[in-house]
Amino acid sequence: MVQTDKVLEFDKVKEKWMELALTEWAKEKIKDTVPGMSENELIARGDKWKSAVGFFKWD
């Protein structure tokens, strides 16, 4: 997948995530979230559920 496609897909996920946010603070945090790991790095870690937490990076 081209890098641009990955960014656009991540933006779609963030939009849906923001729709579910209950507070403005949560929406701001979601807006500032960037991928912390690549999909390949997550797969290499093995446990997809526990590794998914590492996918997101908050400031």
PDB file of N, CA and C in Angstrom:
ATOM      1  N   MET A   1       0.850  -1.172   0.000  1.00  0.00           N
ATOM      2  CA  MET A   1       0.000   0.000   0.000  1.00  0.00           C
ATOM      3  C   MET A   1       0.901   1.242   0.000  1.00  0.00           C
ATOM      4  N   VAL A   2       0.554   2.199  -0.783  1.00  0.00           N
ATOM      5  CA  VAL A   2       1.311   3.440  -0.870  1.00  0.00           C
ATOM      6  C   VAL A   2       1.141   4.225   0.435  1.00  0.00           C
ATOM      7  N   GLN A   3       2.197   4.947   0.847  1.00  0.00           N
ATOM      8  CA  GLN A   3       2.162   5.689   2.109  1.00  0.00           C
ATOM      9  C   GLN A   3       0.954   6.631   2.189  1.00  0.00           C
ATOM     10  N   THR A   4       0.634   7.293   1.093  1.00  0.00           N
ATOM     11  CA  THR A   4      -0.511   8.211   1.066  1.00  0.00           C
ATOM     12  C   THR A   4      -1.799   7.473   1.404  1.00  0.00           C
ATOM     13  N   ASP A   5      -1.954   6.259   0.859  1.00  0.00           N
ATOM     14  CA  ASP A   5      -3.145   5.455   1.154  1.00  0.00           C
ATOM     15  C   ASP A   5      -3.222   5.117   2.634  1.00  0.00           C
ATOM     16  N   LYS A   6      -2.084   4.819   3.241  1.00  0.00           N
ATOM     17  CA  LYS A   6      -2.060   4.492   4.671  1.00  0.00           C
ATOM     18  C   LYS A   6      -2.496   5.692   5.503  1.00  0.00           C
ATOM     19  N   VAL A   7      -2.015   6.862   5.137  1.00  0.00           N
ATOM     20  CA  VAL A   7      -2.383   8.076   5.877  1.00  0.00           C
ATOM     21  C   VAL A   7      -3.875   8.355   5.719  1.00  0.00           C
ATOM     22  N   LEU A   8      -4.395   8.218   4.510  1.00  0.00           N
ATOM     23  CA  LEU A   8      -5.820   8.452   4.281  1.00  0.00           C
ATOM     24  C   LEU A   8      -6.671   7.448   5.052  1.00  0.00           C
ATOM     25  N   GLU A   9      -6.244   6.195   5.095  1.00  0.00           N
ATOM     26  CA  GLU A   9      -6.980   5.175   5.839  1.00  0.00           C
ATOM     27  C   GLU A   9      -6.951   5.486   7.339  1.00  0.00           C
ATOM     28  N   PHE A  10      -5.796   5.914   7.838  1.00  0.00           N
ATOM     29  CA  PHE A  10      -5.687   6.276   9.246  1.00  0.00           C
ATOM     30  C   PHE A  10      -6.586   7.462   9.563  1.00  0.00           C
ATOM     31  N   ASP A  11      -6.654   8.416   8.643  1.00  0.00           N
ATOM     32  CA  ASP A  11      -7.535   9.574   8.841  1.00  0.00           C
ATOM     33  C   ASP A  11      -9.000   9.149   8.917  1.00  0.00           C
ATOM     34  N   LYS A  12      -9.398   8.158   8.118  1.00  0.00           N
ATOM     35  CA  LYS A  12     -10.770   7.650   8.177  1.00  0.00           C
ATOM     36  C   LYS A  12     -11.061   7.030   9.541  1.00  0.00           C
ATOM     37  N   VAL A  13     -10.097   6.273  10.054  1.00  0.00           N
ATOM     38  CA  VAL A  13     -10.259   5.656  11.373  1.00  0.00           C
ATOM     39  C   VAL A  13     -10.395   6.740  12.437  1.00  0.00           C
ATOM     40  N   LYS A  14      -9.551   7.774  12.348  1.00  0.00           N
ATOM     41  CA  LYS A  14      -9.625   8.859  13.326  1.00  0.00           C
ATOM     42  C   LYS A  14     -10.968   9.582  13.269  1.00  0.00           C
ATOM     43  N   GLU A  15     -11.510   9.779  12.082  1.00  0.00           N
ATOM     44  CA  GLU A  15     -12.821  10.429  11.953  1.00  0.00           C
ATOM     45  C   GLU A  15     -13.898   9.620  12.677  1.00  0.00           C
ATOM     46  N   LYS A  16     -13.909   8.307  12.452  1.00  0.00           N
ATOM     47  CA  LYS A  16     -14.889   7.443  13.112  1.00  0.00           C
ATOM     48  C   LYS A  16     -14.679   7.462  14.625  1.00  0.00           C
ATOM     49  N   TRP A  17     -13.427   7.411  15.038  1.00  0.00           N
ATOM     50  CA  TRP A  17     -13.064   7.418  16.453  1.00  0.00           C
ATOM     51  C   TRP A  17     -13.559   8.708  17.110  1.00  0.00           C
ATOM     52  N   MET A  18     -13.377   9.841  16.399  1.00  0.00           N
ATOM     53  CA  MET A  18     -13.816  11.136  16.933  1.00  0.00           C
ATOM     54  C   MET A  18     -15.337  11.197  17.069  1.00  0.00           C
ATOM     55  N   GLU A  19     -16.056  10.527  16.168  1.00  0.00           N
ATOM     56  CA  GLU A  19     -17.518  10.481  16.269  1.00  0.00           C
ATOM     57  C   GLU A  19     -17.957   9.794  17.563  1.00  0.00           C
ATOM     58  N   LEU A  20     -17.150   8.858  18.034  1.00  0.00           N
ATOM     59  CA  LEU A  20     -17.486   8.110  19.245  1.00  0.00           C
ATOM     60  C   LEU A  20     -17.005   8.790  20.528  1.00  0.00           C
ATOM     61  N   ALA A  21     -16.151   9.786  20.380  1.00  0.00           N
ATOM     62  CA  ALA A  21     -15.599  10.473  21.561  1.00  0.00           C
ATOM     63  C   ALA A  21     -16.704  11.215  22.307  1.00  0.00           C
ATOM     64  N   LEU A  22     -16.632  11.164  23.622  1.00  0.00           N
ATOM     65  CA  LEU A  22     -17.676  11.773  24.446  1.00  0.00           C
ATOM     66  C   LEU A  22     -17.358  13.203  24.875  1.00  0.00           C
ATOM     67  N   THR A  23     -16.094  13.594  24.837  1.00  0.00           N
ATOM     68  CA  THR A  23     -15.729  14.943  25.286  1.00  0.00           C
ATOM     69  C   THR A  23     -14.882  15.646  24.228  1.00  0.00           C
ATOM     70  N   GLU A  24     -14.834  16.956  24.328  1.00  0.00           N
ATOM     71  CA  GLU A  24     -13.990  17.737  23.423  1.00  0.00           C
ATOM     72  C   GLU A  24     -12.509  17.424  23.655  1.00  0.00           C
ATOM     73  N   TRP A  25     -12.154  17.173  24.933  1.00  0.00           N
ATOM     74  CA  TRP A  25     -10.773  16.824  25.261  1.00  0.00           C
ATOM     75  C   TRP A  25     -10.362  15.552  24.514  1.00  0.00           C
ATOM     76  N   ALA A  26     -11.243  14.542  24.530  1.00  0.00           N
ATOM     77  CA  ALA A  26     -10.962  13.282  23.841  1.00  0.00           C
ATOM     78  C   ALA A  26     -10.825  13.506  22.341  1.00  0.00           C
ATOM     79  N   LYS A  27     -11.695  14.330  21.774  1.00  0.00           N
ATOM     80  CA  LYS A  27     -11.627  14.625  20.336  1.00  0.00           C
ATOM     81  C   LYS A  27     -10.312  15.299  19.971  1.00  0.00           C
ATOM     82  N   GLU A  28      -9.837  16.201  20.811  1.00  0.00           N
ATOM     83  CA  GLU A  28      -8.554  16.873  20.557  1.00  0.00           C
ATOM     84  C   GLU A  28      -7.399  15.873  20.616  1.00  0.00           C
ATOM     85  N   LYS A  29      -7.437  14.969  21.588  1.00  0.00           N
ATOM     86  CA  LYS A  29      -6.389  13.949  21.710  1.00  0.00           C
ATOM     87  C   LYS A  29      -6.385  13.030  20.494  1.00  0.00           C
ATOM     88  N   ILE A  30      -7.561  12.653  20.043  1.00  0.00           N
ATOM     89  CA  ILE A  30      -7.668  11.797  18.859  1.00  0.00           C
ATOM     90  C   ILE A  30      -7.126  12.530  17.637  1.00  0.00           C
ATOM     91  N   LYS A  31      -7.483  13.805  17.504  1.00  0.00           N
ATOM     92  CA  LYS A  31      -7.025  14.612  16.367  1.00  0.00           C
ATOM     93  C   LYS A  31      -5.498  14.671  16.310  1.00  0.00           C
ATOM     94  N   ASP A  32      -4.855  14.703  17.482  1.00  0.00           N
ATOM     95  CA  ASP A  32      -3.399  14.809  17.558  1.00  0.00           C
ATOM     96  C   ASP A  32      -2.683  13.461  17.482  1.00  0.00           C
ATOM     97  N   THR A  33      -3.444  12.369  17.409  1.00  0.00           N
ATOM     98  CA  THR A  33      -2.861  11.032  17.394  1.00  0.00           C
ATOM     99  C   THR A  33      -2.221  10.731  16.040  1.00  0.00           C
ATOM    100  N   VAL A  34      -1.046  10.127  16.095  1.00  0.00           N
ATOM    101  CA  VAL A  34      -0.337   9.704  14.884  1.00  0.00           C
ATOM    102  C   VAL A  34       0.056   8.236  15.043  1.00  0.00           C
ATOM    103  N   PRO A  35       0.235   7.520  13.926  1.00  0.00           N
ATOM    104  CA  PRO A  35       0.674   6.122  14.035  1.00  0.00           C
ATOM    105  C   PRO A  35       2.030   6.054  14.736  1.00  0.00           C
ATOM    106  N   GLY A  36       2.158   5.150  15.697  1.00  0.00           N
ATOM    107  CA  GLY A  36       3.412   4.990  16.424  1.00  0.00           C
ATOM    108  C   GLY A  36       4.231   3.828  15.900  1.00  0.00           C
ATOM    109  N   MET A  37       3.569   2.898  15.213  1.00  0.00           N
ATOM    110  CA  MET A  37       4.241   1.729  14.670  1.00  0.00           C
ATOM    111  C   MET A  37       3.631   1.396  13.316  1.00  0.00           C
ATOM    112  N   SER A  38       4.418   0.764  12.474  1.00  0.00           N
ATOM    113  CA  SER A  38       3.885   0.319  11.191  1.00  0.00           C
ATOM    114  C   SER A  38       3.120  -0.983  11.388  1.00  0.00           C
ATOM    115  N   GLU A  39       2.319  -1.341  10.409  1.00  0.00           N
ATOM    116  CA  GLU A  39       1.566  -2.592  10.480  1.00  0.00           C
ATOM    117  C   GLU A  39       2.523  -3.776  10.597  1.00  0.00           C
ATOM    118  N   ASN A  40       3.626  -3.735   9.878  1.00  0.00           N
ATOM    119  CA  ASN A  40       4.609  -4.827   9.933  1.00  0.00           C
ATOM    120  C   ASN A  40       5.218  -4.962  11.325  1.00  0.00           C
ATOM    121  N   GLU A  41       5.482  -3.847  12.001  1.00  0.00           N
ATOM    122  CA  GLU A  41       6.022  -3.895  13.354  1.00  0.00           C
ATOM    123  C   GLU A  41       5.022  -4.537  14.315  1.00  0.00           C
ATOM    124  N   LEU A  42       3.736  -4.229  14.136  1.00  0.00           N
ATOM    125  CA  LEU A  42       2.709  -4.828  14.990  1.00  0.00           C
ATOM    126  C   LEU A  42       2.625  -6.329  14.776  1.00  0.00           C
ATOM    127  N   ILE A  43       2.655  -6.742  13.514  1.00  0.00           N
ATOM    128  CA  ILE A  43       2.574  -8.165  13.191  1.00  0.00           C
ATOM    129  C   ILE A  43       3.779  -8.906  13.762  1.00  0.00           C
ATOM    130  N   ALA A  44       4.951  -8.286  13.678  1.00  0.00           N
ATOM    131  CA  ALA A  44       6.179  -8.916  14.186  1.00  0.00           C
ATOM    132  C   ALA A  44       6.114  -9.129  15.694  1.00  0.00           C
ATOM    133  N   ARG A  45       5.369  -8.321  16.397  1.00  0.00           N
ATOM    134  CA  ARG A  45       5.247  -8.467  17.855  1.00  0.00           C
ATOM    135  C   ARG A  45       4.388  -9.654  18.229  1.00  0.00           C
ATOM    136  N   GLY A  46       3.549 -10.128  17.322  1.00  0.00           N
ATOM    137  CA  GLY A  46       2.794 -11.357  17.565  1.00  0.00           C
ATOM    138  C   GLY A  46       1.385 -11.161  18.076  1.00  0.00           C
ATOM    139  N   ASP A  47       1.210 -10.705  19.289  1.00  0.00           N
ATOM    140  CA  ASP A  47      -0.108 -10.584  19.892  1.00  0.00           C
ATOM    141  C   ASP A  47      -0.777  -9.312  19.370  1.00  0.00           C
ATOM    142  N   LYS A  48      -1.671  -9.466  18.409  1.00  0.00           N
ATOM    143  CA  LYS A  48      -2.276  -8.311  17.739  1.00  0.00           C
ATOM    144  C   LYS A  48      -3.081  -7.428  18.689  1.00  0.00           C
ATOM    145  N   TRP A  49      -3.777  -8.021  19.657  1.00  0.00           N
ATOM    146  CA  TRP A  49      -4.603  -7.202  20.543  1.00  0.00           C
ATOM    147  C   TRP A  49      -3.759  -6.360  21.471  1.00  0.00           C
ATOM    148  N   LYS A  50      -2.755  -6.951  22.084  1.00  0.00           N
ATOM    149  CA  LYS A  50      -1.893  -6.186  22.971  1.00  0.00           C
ATOM    150  C   LYS A  50      -1.033  -5.214  22.174  1.00  0.00           C
ATOM    151  N   SER A  51      -0.610  -5.624  20.982  1.00  0.00           N
ATOM    152  CA  SER A  51       0.244  -4.774  20.161  1.00  0.00           C
ATOM    153  C   SER A  51      -0.514  -3.584  19.593  1.00  0.00           C
ATOM    154  N   ALA A  52      -1.824  -3.721  19.420  1.00  0.00           N
ATOM    155  CA  ALA A  52      -2.595  -2.627  18.840  1.00  0.00           C
ATOM    156  C   ALA A  52      -2.493  -1.369  19.688  1.00  0.00           C
ATOM    157  N   VAL A  53      -2.305  -1.512  20.973  1.00  0.00           N
ATOM    158  CA  VAL A  53      -2.163  -0.357  21.855  1.00  0.00           C
ATOM    159  C   VAL A  53      -0.920   0.430  21.454  1.00  0.00           C
ATOM    160  N   GLY A  54       0.114  -0.248  21.021  1.00  0.00           N
ATOM    161  CA  GLY A  54       1.360   0.399  20.608  1.00  0.00           C
ATOM    162  C   GLY A  54       1.258   1.100  19.267  1.00  0.00           C
ATOM    163  N   PHE A  55       0.168   0.855  18.541  1.00  0.00           N
ATOM    164  CA  PHE A  55       0.015   1.466  17.226  1.00  0.00           C
ATOM    165  C   PHE A  55      -0.198   2.975  17.313  1.00  0.00           C
ATOM    166  N   PHE A  56      -0.833   3.426  18.382  1.00  0.00           N
ATOM    167  CA  PHE A  56      -1.145   4.835  18.519  1.00  0.00           C
ATOM    168  C   PHE A  56      -0.133   5.544  19.383  1.00  0.00           C
ATOM    169  N   LYS A  57       0.154   6.770  19.029  1.00  0.00           N
ATOM    170  CA  LYS A  57       1.125   7.570  19.765  1.00  0.00           C
ATOM    171  C   LYS A  57       0.475   8.897  20.125  1.00  0.00           C
ATOM    172  N   TRP A  58       0.440   9.182  21.421  1.00  0.00           N
ATOM    173  CA  TRP A  58      -0.095  10.450  21.887  1.00  0.00           C
ATOM    174  C   TRP A  58       1.048  11.313  22.371  1.00  0.00           C
ATOM    175  N   ASP A  59       0.913  12.613  22.210  1.00  0.00           N
ATOM    176  CA  ASP A  59       1.944  13.539  22.701  1.00  0.00           C
ATOM    177  C   ASP A  59       1.766  13.813  24.165  1.00  0.00           C
TER     178      ASP A  59
END
